[in-house]
Amino acid sequence: MSYLNVLAVLAAVPVVVVLVHLLIYLVDPYGIRHYPGPFLAKFSDAWLGYISKQGHRSEVIHEMHLKYGPFVRISPSEVSIADPDALGIVYAHGNGALKSSFYDAFVSIERGLFNTRDRKQHARKRKIVSHIFSQKVCRRIRAAHPLVHQHAPRAMGTASASAPKRGSQAQMATEVGWDATPVVTAPPVPTSNPASATVSEKEASDDITYIPAVAVLNGRGEYTMSMGVLPAFVRPIIKRLIPWYARGLQDVQYLAGIAIVAVAKRLGQPSDRVDLLSKLQAGTDDNGAPMGRPELTAEALTLLIAGSDTTSNSTCAIIYYLAKNPAAQAKLQQELDEQLGIEDELVATAEQVKRLPYLDACINEALRLHSTSALGLPRVVPEGGLVIGEHPFPAGTVLSVPSYTIHRDPAVWGVDVEAFRPERWFEDGKEKREHTFNPFSVGPRACVGRNLASLELQMIVASILRRYEFVLERPGEELATREGFLRKPLRCDVGIRRRELL
């Protein structure tokens, strides 16, 4: 193809895109033209793509709901619904709704439990994966507990370990982070800061060069988030022409490489260690068939991200809110002192954290304000349509319920929705709050590891807050965040002081 022909094709692309979206608006196949929203969003996915790339999608969508109300059109085919009751309809068991093409952007090895859109394939994969997490709590703990204890000292980072009875400062986003990857693959404990651990340290492999793990995770999340909202036919062009997307694609490939090396090493050097990867290897479908290597690798990649990135970011947010609210921190520490007694175990046990209601309230309140998964997860309305309140939506419409916004619904949480107040979890209206609380999603596509994730947070926060007090270096400082697929804290400087245990 000649140079002039290439230019002509490139010039035609935006024209075609505009015409396609204008046609959709005029024809209005989903009957959603009357819903309010940003002007550009009525005609093109470009608005949502731009917002997603800026790293604050959930906050912007929330502003749109404050401006336009509970139903906001955020793309030519998608309506965001800020109604807690919509959770049980859009994401319900048996409603026939499927994940949208948004999830295609997350496929890097092959489709896994998280990004498969086919209902039958999802049921098969979930059966294999869920056996890791579906045992009763005591059985699950016996498998995970030794690894949690082995790697828990890393949760405090190097700064707190060097400040036994005096004040010290730490950058919380990097120093106070929990790396749950050992529970997934049980590698040797790296000697450097876990927040900047290299792939070679993670897997003791010479096959991958130095890669800052946090930067790769963040780059992948931002790439997939912004790429996923764009039309499928535009994606191949965008990721070749725009350097930012090309770098994001490289992060996707790097992270996939971590999972490939981990699985290849495990299969090449069989081990008797018990971790999530070993359990995944042992899983079988209804026909008794185990996962093949590509499928196993894809699921290992999901566990790698879900098992470390989400927990470390949630831990950071929880400690930030406790540092910002010393009265709540003191109340939690009183509960820990009374319930954990004088036992000098490094890590609180699973049995101990089961009887700590204020700990649960602190964790839930922090996850309400800082849900790692804060965006509205898109679902395609099935044949027969769905009705939300008095609003019917025909098949093919994409609907989403933004957790960030329903976690700030005054009708559910009270007028002080932006305040960190764990006491609200003990007040009247608890059932409605629990129904609206959505840190792990709901329905058949909810987080399969939510029980283990909750246990990790309970053990981590109880262990850390029992031994240390935290203060913000700059009182009143807001928690800076950036959102890819996950919403993450960026930086928060805290002071740490060792507590005198009774």
Protein backbone atom coordinates (compact mmCIF):
# COMPACT_ATOMS: atom_id res chain seq x y z
CA MET A 1 0.00 0.00 0.00
CA SER A 2 1.37 3.41 -0.98
CA TYR A 3 2.09 6.22 1.47
CA LEU A 4 -0.89 8.22 0.16
CA ASN A 5 -3.18 5.24 0.56
CA VAL A 6 -2.04 4.80 4.15
CA LEU A 7 -2.77 8.45 4.87
CA ALA A 8 -6.20 8.11 3.29
CA VAL A 9 -7.00 5.10 5.46
CA LEU A 10 -5.85 6.89 8.61
CA ALA A 11 -7.89 9.96 7.70
CA ALA A 12 -10.96 7.82 7.09
CA VAL A 13 -10.83 6.10 10.48
CA PRO A 14 -12.16 9.02 12.56
CA VAL A 15 -14.82 9.73 9.94
CA VAL A 16 -16.03 6.14 10.07
CA VAL A 17 -16.00 6.17 13.87
CA VAL A 18 -18.04 9.38 13.98
CA LEU A 19 -20.58 8.09 11.45
CA VAL A 20 -21.01 4.78 13.25
CA HIS A 21 -21.66 6.47 16.57
CA LEU A 22 -23.90 9.13 15.09
CA LEU A 23 -25.97 6.39 13.47
CA ILE A 24 -26.33 4.63 16.82
CA TYR A 25 -27.52 7.84 18.41
CA LEU A 26 -30.07 8.56 15.67
CA VAL A 27 -31.42 5.03 15.47
CA ASP A 28 -31.32 4.63 19.28
CA PRO A 29 -31.46 0.80 19.23
CA TYR A 30 -31.38 0.57 23.04
CA GLY A 31 -33.95 3.26 23.74
CA ILE A 32 -31.59 5.19 26.03
CA ARG A 33 -31.36 8.50 24.16
CA HIS A 34 -33.47 10.23 26.79
CA TYR A 35 -31.09 9.45 29.63
CA PRO A 36 -28.95 12.44 30.66
CA GLY A 37 -25.18 12.43 30.60
CA PRO A 38 -22.12 14.12 29.12
CA PHE A 39 -22.82 15.37 25.60
CA LEU A 40 -19.97 13.51 23.91
CA ALA A 41 -20.90 10.26 25.68
CA LYS A 42 -24.18 10.17 23.75
CA PHE A 43 -22.30 9.76 20.46
CA SER A 44 -18.97 8.16 21.21
CA ASP A 45 -17.03 5.90 23.56
CA ALA A 46 -14.23 8.48 23.37
CA TRP A 47 -15.55 10.34 26.42
CA LEU A 48 -15.41 7.26 28.65
CA GLY A 49 -12.07 6.25 27.13
CA TYR A 50 -10.59 9.66 27.93
CA ILE A 51 -11.98 9.66 31.48
CA SER A 52 -10.66 6.16 32.10
CA LYS A 53 -7.19 7.09 30.88
CA GLN A 54 -7.04 10.06 33.29
CA GLY A 55 -7.11 7.69 36.26
CA HIS A 56 -10.19 9.00 38.10
CA ARG A 57 -13.12 7.33 36.37
CA SER A 58 -15.11 6.48 39.50
CA GLU A 59 -14.88 10.02 40.88
CA VAL A 60 -15.97 11.54 37.54
CA ILE A 61 -18.89 9.12 37.16
CA HIS A 62 -19.89 10.01 40.73
CA GLU A 63 -19.90 13.69 39.80
CA MET A 64 -22.12 12.87 36.83
CA HIS A 65 -24.60 11.14 39.13
CA LEU A 66 -24.62 14.09 41.49
CA LYS A 67 -25.37 16.30 38.51
CA TYR A 68 -27.83 14.16 36.53
CA GLY A 69 -29.33 11.71 39.01
CA PRO A 70 -29.27 7.91 39.44
CA PHE A 71 -29.42 7.08 35.70
CA VAL A 72 -26.59 8.48 33.58
CA ARG A 73 -25.67 7.59 30.01
CA ILE A 74 -21.89 7.22 29.91
CA SER A 75 -21.49 5.80 26.39
CA PRO A 76 -23.65 5.21 23.32
CA SER A 77 -24.74 1.84 24.72
CA GLU A 78 -24.12 2.03 28.49
CA VAL A 79 -26.14 3.47 31.35
CA SER A 80 -24.63 3.82 34.81
CA ILE A 81 -27.21 3.20 37.55
CA ALA A 82 -26.49 4.57 41.03
CA ASP A 83 -29.24 2.65 42.79
CA PRO A 84 -28.38 0.04 45.44
CA ASP A 85 -31.41 -2.01 44.46
CA ALA A 86 -29.96 -2.38 40.96
CA LEU A 87 -27.14 -4.54 42.34
CA GLY A 88 -29.46 -7.49 42.83
CA ILE A 89 -30.91 -7.10 39.34
CA VAL A 90 -27.95 -6.30 37.09
CA TYR A 91 -25.62 -8.84 38.74
CA ALA A 92 -28.20 -11.39 39.89
CA HIS A 93 -27.88 -15.16 39.66
CA GLY A 94 -29.83 -16.52 36.72
CA ASN A 95 -30.71 -13.19 35.09
CA GLY A 96 -28.84 -14.12 31.89
CA ALA A 97 -26.73 -10.94 31.80
CA LEU A 98 -23.20 -11.44 30.46
CA LYS A 99 -20.00 -9.49 30.84
CA SER A 100 -19.54 -6.91 28.10
CA SER A 101 -16.74 -6.65 25.53
CA PHE A 102 -14.95 -4.49 28.11
CA TYR A 103 -13.43 -7.71 29.49
CA ASP A 104 -11.85 -8.68 26.16
CA ALA A 105 -9.09 -6.15 26.87
CA PHE A 106 -8.02 -8.22 29.89
CA VAL A 107 -7.20 -11.36 27.90
CA SER A 108 -3.42 -11.76 27.59
CA ILE A 109 -2.74 -15.52 27.72
CA GLU A 110 -6.18 -17.01 27.20
CA ARG A 111 -9.55 -16.39 28.78
CA GLY A 112 -9.69 -17.10 32.49
CA LEU A 113 -12.39 -17.10 35.14
CA PHE A 114 -12.29 -13.30 35.39
CA ASN A 115 -12.51 -12.35 31.72
CA THR A 116 -14.42 -15.18 30.08
CA ARG A 117 -17.79 -14.03 28.79
CA ASP A 118 -19.27 -17.38 27.85
CA ARG A 119 -21.65 -18.68 30.52
CA LYS A 120 -20.83 -22.36 30.03
CA GLN A 121 -17.07 -21.76 30.08
CA HIS A 122 -17.41 -19.59 33.16
CA ALA A 123 -19.34 -22.31 35.00
CA ARG A 124 -16.64 -24.84 34.16
CA LYS A 125 -13.78 -22.56 35.22
CA ARG A 126 -15.51 -21.46 38.41
CA LYS A 127 -16.04 -25.08 39.44
CA ILE A 128 -12.32 -25.74 39.10
CA VAL A 129 -11.16 -22.53 40.80
CA SER A 130 -13.79 -22.25 43.52
CA HIS A 131 -12.71 -25.43 45.28
CA ILE A 132 -9.69 -23.45 46.49
CA PHE A 133 -11.93 -21.08 48.40
CA SER A 134 -15.22 -22.89 48.96
CA GLN A 135 -14.16 -25.04 51.92
CA LYS A 136 -15.36 -24.14 55.37
CA VAL A 137 -13.31 -21.41 57.01
CA CYS A 138 -11.32 -23.75 59.24
CA ARG A 139 -10.14 -25.92 56.35
CA ARG A 140 -9.18 -22.95 54.23
CA ILE A 141 -7.25 -21.44 57.11
CA ARG A 142 -5.27 -24.60 57.76
CA ALA A 143 -4.01 -24.44 54.18
CA ALA A 144 -3.25 -20.70 54.06
CA HIS A 145 -2.31 -20.06 57.67
CA PRO A 146 1.32 -21.30 57.63
CA LEU A 147 2.12 -19.14 54.61
CA VAL A 148 0.45 -16.10 56.11
CA HIS A 149 2.56 -16.50 59.26
CA GLN A 150 5.73 -17.11 57.29
CA HIS A 151 5.47 -13.91 55.28
CA ALA A 152 3.56 -11.60 57.65
CA PRO A 153 6.66 -9.77 58.98
CA ARG A 154 7.07 -8.21 55.53
CA ALA A 155 3.73 -6.45 55.88
CA MET A 156 5.25 -3.75 58.08
CA GLY A 157 8.15 -3.03 55.75
CA THR A 158 11.62 -2.02 56.79
CA ALA A 159 10.75 1.29 58.44
CA SER A 160 8.55 -0.07 61.23
CA ALA A 161 10.95 -2.92 61.94
CA SER A 162 13.69 -0.38 62.67
CA ALA A 163 11.56 1.71 65.05
CA PRO A 164 10.70 -0.54 68.00
CA LYS A 165 9.85 2.10 70.61
CA ARG A 166 10.24 5.42 68.90
CA GLY A 167 8.71 7.45 66.15
CA SER A 168 9.58 6.73 62.56
CA GLN A 169 8.31 7.82 59.20
CA ALA A 170 7.34 5.68 56.25
CA GLN A 171 5.84 6.13 52.84
CA MET A 172 2.82 3.98 53.47
CA ALA A 173 2.02 3.09 49.89
CA THR A 174 5.35 1.28 49.61
CA GLU A 175 6.41 0.44 53.16
CA VAL A 176 3.11 -0.61 54.69
CA GLY A 177 1.92 -3.01 52.02
CA TRP A 178 1.00 -6.65 52.24
CA ASP A 179 2.34 -8.92 49.58
CA ALA A 180 0.00 -11.92 49.48
CA THR A 181 1.75 -13.45 46.50
CA PRO A 182 3.28 -16.13 48.77
CA VAL A 183 -0.21 -17.49 49.40
CA VAL A 184 -0.54 -17.87 45.63
CA THR A 185 2.88 -19.26 44.66
CA ALA A 186 4.89 -19.48 47.90
CA PRO A 187 8.22 -18.18 46.53
CA PRO A 188 11.21 -17.48 48.76
CA VAL A 189 11.01 -14.27 50.77
CA PRO A 190 12.82 -11.54 48.79
CA THR A 191 15.41 -9.53 50.64
CA SER A 192 14.50 -6.13 49.21
CA ASN A 193 11.47 -3.91 49.75
CA PRO A 194 8.49 -6.06 48.67
CA ALA A 195 6.86 -3.12 46.94
CA SER A 196 9.71 -2.96 44.45
CA ALA A 197 10.52 -6.65 44.27
CA THR A 198 11.77 -7.87 40.94
CA VAL A 199 10.33 -10.71 38.98
CA SER A 200 13.55 -12.66 39.42
CA GLU A 201 13.22 -12.29 43.19
CA LYS A 202 9.62 -13.38 43.05
CA GLU A 203 10.31 -16.52 41.07
CA ALA A 204 14.07 -16.96 41.40
CA SER A 205 14.21 -17.13 37.64
CA ASP A 206 16.96 -15.95 35.31
CA ASP A 207 14.54 -15.82 32.40
CA ILE A 208 13.06 -12.40 33.18
CA THR A 209 14.96 -9.17 33.68
CA TYR A 210 14.41 -6.57 36.38
CA ILE A 211 10.87 -5.17 36.29
CA PRO A 212 9.35 -2.89 38.98
CA ALA A 213 6.36 -5.01 39.94
CA VAL A 214 4.14 -2.18 41.17
CA ALA A 215 4.73 -0.10 38.02
CA VAL A 216 3.87 -3.08 35.82
CA LEU A 217 0.68 -3.82 37.75
CA ASN A 218 -0.39 -0.18 37.57
CA GLY A 219 0.45 0.11 33.88
CA ARG A 220 -1.50 -3.03 33.04
CA GLY A 221 -4.52 -1.86 35.02
CA GLU A 222 -4.66 1.56 33.42
CA TYR A 223 -4.15 0.12 29.93
CA THR A 224 -6.88 -2.50 30.21
CA MET A 225 -9.33 -0.08 31.81
CA SER A 226 -9.04 2.54 29.08
CA MET A 227 -8.70 0.04 26.23
CA GLY A 228 -11.72 -1.95 27.39
CA VAL A 229 -14.20 0.90 26.97
CA LEU A 230 -13.21 1.49 23.33
CA PRO A 231 -14.94 -0.32 20.44
CA ALA A 232 -13.28 -3.61 19.51
CA PHE A 233 -12.51 -2.52 15.95
CA VAL A 234 -10.59 0.55 17.17
CA ARG A 235 -8.37 -1.23 19.70
CA PRO A 236 -5.78 -2.69 17.27
CA ILE A 237 -5.29 0.72 15.70
CA ILE A 238 -5.08 2.63 18.99
CA LYS A 239 -2.46 0.42 20.60
CA ARG A 240 -0.18 0.79 17.57
CA LEU A 241 -0.55 4.50 16.94
CA ILE A 242 -0.54 5.91 20.49
CA PRO A 243 2.71 5.40 22.48
CA TRP A 244 0.91 5.34 25.87
CA TYR A 245 -1.11 2.32 24.82
CA ALA A 246 1.97 0.63 23.39
CA ARG A 247 3.69 0.96 26.79
CA GLY A 248 0.59 -0.37 28.52
CA LEU A 249 0.55 -3.39 26.21
CA GLN A 250 4.16 -4.04 27.19
CA ASP A 251 3.12 -4.08 30.86
CA VAL A 252 0.39 -6.59 30.01
CA GLN A 253 2.98 -8.82 28.37
CA TYR A 254 5.45 -8.45 31.26
CA LEU A 255 2.86 -9.46 33.81
CA ALA A 256 1.77 -12.41 31.72
CA GLY A 257 5.43 -13.41 31.62
CA ILE A 258 5.51 -13.59 35.42
CA ALA A 259 2.66 -16.10 35.43
CA ILE A 260 4.19 -18.08 32.55
CA VAL A 261 7.52 -18.43 34.37
CA ALA A 262 5.84 -19.31 37.68
CA VAL A 263 3.71 -22.07 36.17
CA ALA A 264 6.52 -23.39 33.98
CA LYS A 265 8.82 -23.60 36.99
CA ARG A 266 6.23 -25.39 39.08
CA LEU A 267 5.41 -27.90 36.35
CA GLY A 268 9.09 -28.46 35.62
CA GLN A 269 10.06 -28.84 39.27
CA PRO A 270 7.21 -30.55 41.14
CA SER A 271 6.90 -29.43 44.75
CA ASP A 272 5.02 -30.67 47.80
CA ARG A 273 4.36 -27.12 49.04
CA VAL A 274 0.69 -26.27 49.60
CA ASP A 275 -0.48 -23.00 48.08
CA LEU A 276 -3.17 -21.74 45.74
CA LEU A 277 -1.22 -22.72 42.64
CA SER A 278 -0.87 -26.30 43.86
CA LYS A 279 -4.60 -26.42 44.57
CA LEU A 280 -5.30 -25.01 41.14
CA GLN A 281 -3.23 -27.79 39.61
CA ALA A 282 -5.29 -30.35 41.49
CA GLY A 283 -8.64 -28.97 40.35
CA THR A 284 -10.74 -30.81 37.77
CA ASP A 285 -13.94 -30.14 35.83
CA ASP A 286 -17.09 -32.29 35.73
CA ASN A 287 -15.34 -34.75 33.43
CA GLY A 288 -12.40 -35.10 35.77
CA ALA A 289 -10.10 -33.18 33.42
CA PRO A 290 -7.53 -30.78 34.92
CA MET A 291 -6.58 -27.44 33.42
CA GLY A 292 -4.09 -27.43 30.57
CA ARG A 293 -0.97 -25.29 30.89
CA PRO A 294 -2.33 -22.18 29.10
CA GLU A 295 -5.53 -22.25 31.15
CA LEU A 296 -3.62 -22.88 34.37
CA THR A 297 -1.31 -19.99 33.57
CA ALA A 298 -4.22 -17.64 32.87
CA GLU A 299 -5.79 -18.47 36.23
CA ALA A 300 -2.45 -18.12 38.00
CA LEU A 301 -2.15 -14.62 36.53
CA THR A 302 -5.56 -13.69 37.93
CA LEU A 303 -4.65 -15.06 41.36
CA LEU A 304 -1.33 -13.21 41.26
CA ILE A 305 -3.11 -9.89 40.76
CA ALA A 306 -6.13 -10.54 42.96
CA GLY A 307 -4.04 -12.11 45.69
CA SER A 308 -1.49 -9.33 46.14
CA ASP A 309 -2.41 -6.07 44.46
CA THR A 310 -5.90 -5.77 45.94
CA THR A 311 -4.92 -6.74 49.48
CA SER A 312 -1.90 -4.43 49.66
CA ASN A 313 -3.90 -1.45 48.40
CA SER A 314 -6.77 -2.15 50.79
CA THR A 315 -4.35 -2.45 53.71
CA CYS A 316 -2.81 0.89 52.81
CA ALA A 317 -6.23 2.58 52.73
CA ILE A 318 -7.33 1.03 56.03
CA ILE A 319 -4.20 2.24 57.85
CA TYR A 320 -4.55 5.69 56.27
CA TYR A 321 -8.09 6.11 57.63
CA LEU A 322 -7.06 4.87 61.06
CA ALA A 323 -4.10 7.26 61.10
CA LYS A 324 -6.39 10.11 60.08
CA ASN A 325 -8.93 9.20 62.77
CA PRO A 326 -6.99 8.62 66.03
CA ALA A 327 -10.16 8.11 68.09
CA ALA A 328 -11.18 5.15 65.92
CA GLN A 329 -7.61 3.84 66.01
CA ALA A 330 -7.56 3.99 69.81
CA LYS A 331 -10.93 2.25 70.04
CA LEU A 332 -9.71 -0.53 67.76
CA GLN A 333 -6.53 -0.95 69.77
CA GLN A 334 -8.55 -1.19 72.97
CA GLU A 335 -10.55 -4.04 71.42
CA LEU A 336 -7.35 -5.74 70.28
CA ASP A 337 -5.76 -5.39 73.73
CA GLU A 338 -8.84 -6.82 75.44
CA GLN A 339 -9.49 -9.68 73.04
CA LEU A 340 -5.96 -10.71 72.10
CA GLY A 341 -4.66 -10.50 75.66
CA ILE A 342 -0.96 -10.72 76.40
CA GLU A 343 -0.22 -13.37 73.80
CA ASP A 344 2.99 -12.44 72.03
CA GLU A 345 2.34 -14.08 68.67
CA LEU A 346 3.62 -12.06 65.75
CA VAL A 347 0.41 -12.54 63.80
CA ALA A 348 -3.14 -12.61 65.12
CA THR A 349 -4.72 -15.99 64.52
CA ALA A 350 -7.80 -16.72 62.47
CA GLU A 351 -9.69 -17.75 65.59
CA GLN A 352 -8.81 -14.50 67.33
CA VAL A 353 -9.99 -12.18 64.54
CA LYS A 354 -13.38 -13.90 64.38
CA ARG A 355 -14.39 -12.18 67.61
CA LEU A 356 -13.41 -8.59 66.80
CA PRO A 357 -16.52 -6.65 65.68
CA TYR A 358 -14.91 -3.20 65.75
CA LEU A 359 -12.04 -4.49 63.61
CA ASP A 360 -14.61 -5.63 61.04
CA ALA A 361 -16.34 -2.25 61.21
CA CYS A 362 -13.04 -0.41 60.62
CA ILE A 363 -12.17 -2.62 57.65
CA ASN A 364 -15.64 -2.32 56.13
CA GLU A 365 -15.75 1.43 56.59
CA ALA A 366 -12.37 1.84 54.89
CA LEU A 367 -13.43 -0.43 52.03
CA ARG A 368 -16.62 1.58 51.68
CA LEU A 369 -14.65 4.77 51.19
CA HIS A 370 -11.86 3.13 49.24
CA SER A 371 -13.17 0.12 47.35
CA THR A 372 -10.28 -1.27 45.36
CA SER A 373 -12.90 -2.20 42.76
CA ALA A 374 -14.88 1.04 42.66
CA LEU A 375 -16.16 1.23 39.09
CA GLY A 376 -19.42 -0.06 37.70
CA LEU A 377 -18.76 -3.48 36.18
CA PRO A 378 -20.52 -3.58 32.78
CA ARG A 379 -23.13 -6.23 32.00
CA VAL A 380 -25.05 -6.81 28.75
CA VAL A 381 -28.81 -7.00 29.18
CA PRO A 382 -30.03 -10.45 28.05
CA GLU A 383 -32.93 -11.41 25.80
CA GLY A 384 -36.18 -10.30 27.38
CA GLY A 385 -34.61 -7.19 28.88
CA LEU A 386 -34.28 -6.01 32.46
CA VAL A 387 -36.34 -3.57 34.48
CA ILE A 388 -34.70 -1.33 37.09
CA GLY A 389 -37.41 0.38 39.10
CA GLU A 390 -39.68 1.76 36.41
CA HIS A 391 -36.95 1.83 33.78
CA PRO A 392 -37.03 -0.96 31.17
CA PHE A 393 -33.84 -1.77 29.26
CA PRO A 394 -33.91 -3.89 26.09
CA ALA A 395 -31.48 -6.68 25.22
CA GLY A 396 -28.03 -5.47 24.22
CA THR A 397 -27.97 -2.43 26.50
CA VAL A 398 -24.94 -2.29 28.79
CA LEU A 399 -25.70 -1.53 32.44
CA SER A 400 -23.34 -0.92 35.36
CA VAL A 401 -23.73 -0.06 39.04
CA PRO A 402 -20.82 2.04 40.36
CA SER A 403 -19.68 0.91 43.80
CA TYR A 404 -17.97 4.24 44.45
CA THR A 405 -21.30 6.06 44.17
CA ILE A 406 -23.63 3.63 45.95
CA HIS A 407 -21.12 3.58 48.80
CA ARG A 408 -21.84 7.30 49.12
CA ASP A 409 -25.64 7.17 48.95
CA PRO A 410 -26.94 9.39 51.80
CA ALA A 411 -30.16 7.37 51.96
CA VAL A 412 -28.09 4.35 52.97
CA TRP A 413 -25.08 5.75 54.81
CA GLY A 414 -26.36 9.03 56.24
CA VAL A 415 -25.44 12.61 55.46
CA ASP A 416 -21.80 12.15 56.54
CA VAL A 417 -20.99 9.82 53.63
CA GLU A 418 -17.40 11.04 53.29
CA ALA A 419 -16.59 10.57 56.98
CA PHE A 420 -14.73 7.53 58.27
CA ARG A 421 -17.06 6.43 61.06
CA PRO A 422 -16.98 2.70 61.89
CA GLU A 423 -19.85 3.17 64.37
CA ARG A 424 -22.31 3.44 61.49
CA TRP A 425 -21.99 -0.35 61.05
CA PHE A 426 -23.71 -0.87 64.42
CA GLU A 427 -26.56 1.63 63.93
CA ASP A 428 -30.12 1.15 62.65
CA GLY A 429 -30.27 0.37 58.94
CA LYS A 430 -27.49 -2.21 59.09
CA GLU A 431 -29.32 -4.59 56.74
CA LYS A 432 -29.60 -1.93 54.03
CA ARG A 433 -25.94 -1.02 54.42
CA GLU A 434 -24.86 -4.64 54.14
CA HIS A 435 -27.03 -5.02 51.04
CA THR A 436 -25.36 -1.98 49.45
CA PHE A 437 -21.80 -2.78 50.52
CA ASN A 438 -20.10 -4.08 47.39
CA PRO A 439 -16.29 -4.36 47.65
CA PHE A 440 -16.21 -7.83 46.05
CA SER A 441 -19.17 -7.56 43.64
CA VAL A 442 -22.20 -9.84 43.89
CA GLY A 443 -23.86 -12.62 41.94
CA PRO A 444 -22.28 -15.45 39.93
CA ARG A 445 -19.31 -13.31 38.87
CA ALA A 446 -18.46 -12.07 42.37
CA CYS A 447 -14.89 -12.44 43.64
CA VAL A 448 -14.36 -16.13 44.25
CA GLY A 449 -11.68 -15.45 46.87
CA ARG A 450 -13.53 -12.93 48.99
CA ASN A 451 -13.49 -15.10 52.13
CA LEU A 452 -9.73 -15.58 52.02
CA ALA A 453 -9.22 -11.88 51.19
CA SER A 454 -11.35 -10.85 54.18
CA LEU A 455 -9.42 -13.18 56.45
CA GLU A 456 -6.10 -11.76 55.25
CA LEU A 457 -7.23 -8.20 55.96
CA GLN A 458 -8.48 -9.13 59.43
CA MET A 459 -5.21 -10.85 60.36
CA ILE A 460 -3.00 -8.17 58.85
CA VAL A 461 -4.76 -5.14 60.34
CA ALA A 462 -5.17 -6.77 63.76
CA SER A 463 -1.49 -7.76 63.85
CA ILE A 464 -0.19 -4.35 62.75
CA LEU A 465 -2.49 -2.15 64.84
CA ARG A 466 -1.90 -4.21 67.95
CA ARG A 467 1.79 -3.32 67.88
CA TYR A 468 1.98 0.08 66.21
CA GLU A 469 0.36 3.48 66.35
CA PHE A 470 0.06 5.56 63.18
CA VAL A 471 -0.24 9.30 62.60
CA LEU A 472 -0.34 11.26 59.38
CA GLU A 473 2.78 13.30 58.77
CA ARG A 474 0.49 15.98 57.37
CA PRO A 475 -2.77 15.88 59.41
CA GLY A 476 -5.85 16.22 57.26
CA GLU A 477 -4.06 15.01 54.16
CA GLU A 478 -6.39 13.37 51.65
CA LEU A 479 -5.48 9.96 50.29
CA ALA A 480 -4.26 10.50 46.74
CA THR A 481 -5.41 7.76 44.39
CA ARG A 482 -5.26 6.71 40.77
CA GLU A 483 -7.57 4.26 39.09
CA GLY A 484 -6.87 1.70 36.44
CA PHE A 485 -9.14 -1.29 36.74
CA LEU A 486 -8.37 -1.06 40.45
CA ARG A 487 -8.38 2.14 42.48
CA LYS A 488 -5.05 2.51 44.26
CA PRO A 489 -3.48 4.80 46.85
CA LEU A 490 -0.49 6.68 45.49
CA ARG A 491 1.38 7.99 48.51
CA CYS A 492 0.75 8.82 52.12
CA ASP A 493 3.50 9.56 54.64
CA VAL A 494 2.82 8.27 58.13
CA GLY A 495 4.57 8.26 61.46
CA ILE A 496 4.93 4.90 63.19
CA ARG A 497 5.48 4.26 66.89
CA ARG A 498 5.79 0.94 68.67
CA ARG A 499 3.08 0.43 71.29
CA GLU A 500 3.77 -0.86 74.78
CA LEU A 501 1.82 -4.13 75.02
CA LEU A 502 0.34 -4.93 78.40
